[in-house]
Protein backbone atom coordinates (compact mmCIF):
# COMPACT_ATOMS: atom_id res chain seq x y z
CA MET A 1 -127.02 -21.63 -65.73
CA ALA A 2 -130.56 -22.60 -64.36
CA HIS A 3 -130.23 -24.17 -60.85
CA ILE A 4 -132.85 -26.88 -59.98
CA ILE A 5 -133.28 -27.41 -56.21
CA ASP A 6 -135.04 -30.38 -55.18
CA ASP A 7 -137.35 -31.19 -52.38
CA GLU A 8 -134.55 -33.04 -50.58
CA THR A 9 -132.22 -30.23 -50.67
CA ILE A 10 -135.02 -27.94 -49.03
CA GLU A 11 -135.62 -30.59 -46.66
CA TYR A 12 -131.92 -30.90 -45.43
CA VAL A 13 -131.58 -27.10 -45.38
CA GLY A 14 -134.91 -26.72 -43.28
CA ILE A 15 -133.53 -29.31 -40.87
CA LEU A 16 -129.95 -27.43 -40.63
CA ALA A 17 -131.88 -24.26 -39.86
CA LYS A 18 -134.31 -25.73 -37.56
CA LEU A 19 -137.48 -24.71 -39.77
CA GLU A 20 -140.78 -26.21 -40.16
CA LEU A 21 -141.61 -25.10 -43.77
CA ASP A 22 -145.21 -26.00 -45.22
CA ASP A 23 -145.56 -27.04 -48.93
CA ALA A 24 -146.02 -23.32 -50.02
CA GLU A 25 -142.93 -22.22 -48.14
CA LYS A 26 -140.72 -24.98 -49.52
CA GLU A 27 -141.90 -23.80 -53.03
CA ALA A 28 -140.82 -20.38 -52.45
CA ALA A 29 -137.53 -21.30 -50.81
CA LYS A 30 -136.80 -23.34 -53.78
CA LYS A 31 -137.34 -20.56 -56.08
CA ASP A 32 -135.33 -18.13 -53.71
CA MET A 33 -132.45 -20.68 -53.81
CA GLY A 34 -132.40 -20.97 -57.45
CA ARG A 35 -132.19 -17.22 -57.90
CA MET A 36 -129.51 -16.89 -55.23
CA LEU A 37 -127.48 -19.62 -57.13
CA ASP A 38 -128.12 -18.05 -60.52
CA TYR A 39 -126.85 -14.70 -58.99
CA ILE A 40 -123.71 -16.36 -58.02
CA ASP A 41 -123.02 -17.77 -61.48
CA LYS A 42 -123.70 -14.14 -62.96
CA LEU A 43 -120.93 -13.04 -60.34
CA ASN A 44 -118.42 -15.62 -61.20
CA GLU A 45 -118.56 -14.23 -64.73
CA LEU A 46 -116.94 -11.11 -63.67
CA ASP A 47 -113.25 -10.49 -64.53
CA THR A 48 -111.69 -10.06 -61.03
CA ASP A 49 -108.01 -10.45 -62.35
CA GLY A 50 -106.00 -7.58 -60.38
CA VAL A 51 -108.53 -7.18 -57.91
CA GLU A 52 -107.13 -7.20 -54.31
CA PRO A 53 -109.24 -9.50 -52.08
CA MET A 54 -110.91 -7.40 -49.22
CA SER A 55 -113.21 -7.93 -46.12
CA HIS A 56 -114.44 -4.54 -46.17
CA VAL A 57 -115.28 -1.78 -48.63
CA PHE A 58 -113.55 0.79 -46.64
CA PRO A 59 -109.83 0.36 -45.39
CA VAL A 60 -110.20 -0.65 -41.72
CA TYR A 61 -107.37 -0.12 -39.43
CA ASN A 62 -106.76 -1.36 -35.96
CA VAL A 63 -107.90 1.26 -33.74
CA PHE A 64 -107.14 -0.31 -30.22
CA ARG A 65 -104.41 1.11 -28.07
CA GLU A 66 -101.26 -0.62 -27.00
CA ASP A 67 -101.93 -2.84 -23.98
CA VAL A 68 -99.44 -1.16 -21.35
CA VAL A 69 -99.68 -1.23 -17.56
CA ILE A 70 -99.63 2.37 -16.55
CA ASN A 71 -100.83 2.33 -12.88
CA GLY A 72 -98.77 -0.31 -11.36
CA ASP A 73 -99.37 -1.72 -7.86
CA ASP A 74 -101.24 0.67 -5.79
CA ARG A 75 -102.60 -1.83 -3.46
CA ASP A 76 -101.94 0.42 -0.38
CA GLN A 77 -103.71 3.45 -2.02
CA ILE A 78 -106.81 1.27 -3.01
CA LEU A 79 -107.11 -0.51 0.35
CA LYS A 80 -107.33 2.96 1.97
CA ASN A 81 -110.84 3.25 0.36
CA ALA A 82 -111.87 -0.09 1.98
CA PRO A 83 -114.07 0.16 5.05
CA GLU A 84 -111.86 -2.70 6.31
CA SER A 85 -108.72 -4.70 4.98
CA LYS A 86 -107.02 -7.81 6.32
CA ASP A 87 -103.63 -9.17 4.94
CA GLY A 88 -103.57 -6.95 1.88
CA ALA A 89 -107.01 -7.67 0.78
CA PHE A 90 -110.69 -6.44 1.07
CA LYS A 91 -112.41 -7.63 4.30
CA VAL A 92 -116.22 -8.56 3.58
CA PRO A 93 -118.89 -10.17 5.52
CA LYS A 94 -119.16 -13.75 5.34
CA THR A 95 -122.10 -14.76 2.83
CA VAL A 96 -121.93 -18.47 2.83
CA GLU A 97 -121.80 -20.91 5.90
């Protein structure tokens, strides 16, 4: 099925993509879009019954670790590294007046 892309469609897509196309580029874009739509039609002819939908060609598994707190509350140990501390927090020089 041949798809005919008109000038209005190319103008609209150009606006959406924030592209400024000259006449030669518009003609090339019309041909490219037509070929893409023809290819989609060709893919739609394939028999995909029994084919499981997928997002990747290879199986992808969650590789993240479980989010578990392991170090707890070591405030006193951490504050031992501070040059100065006050009320359980780092004491730093004032930077804003």
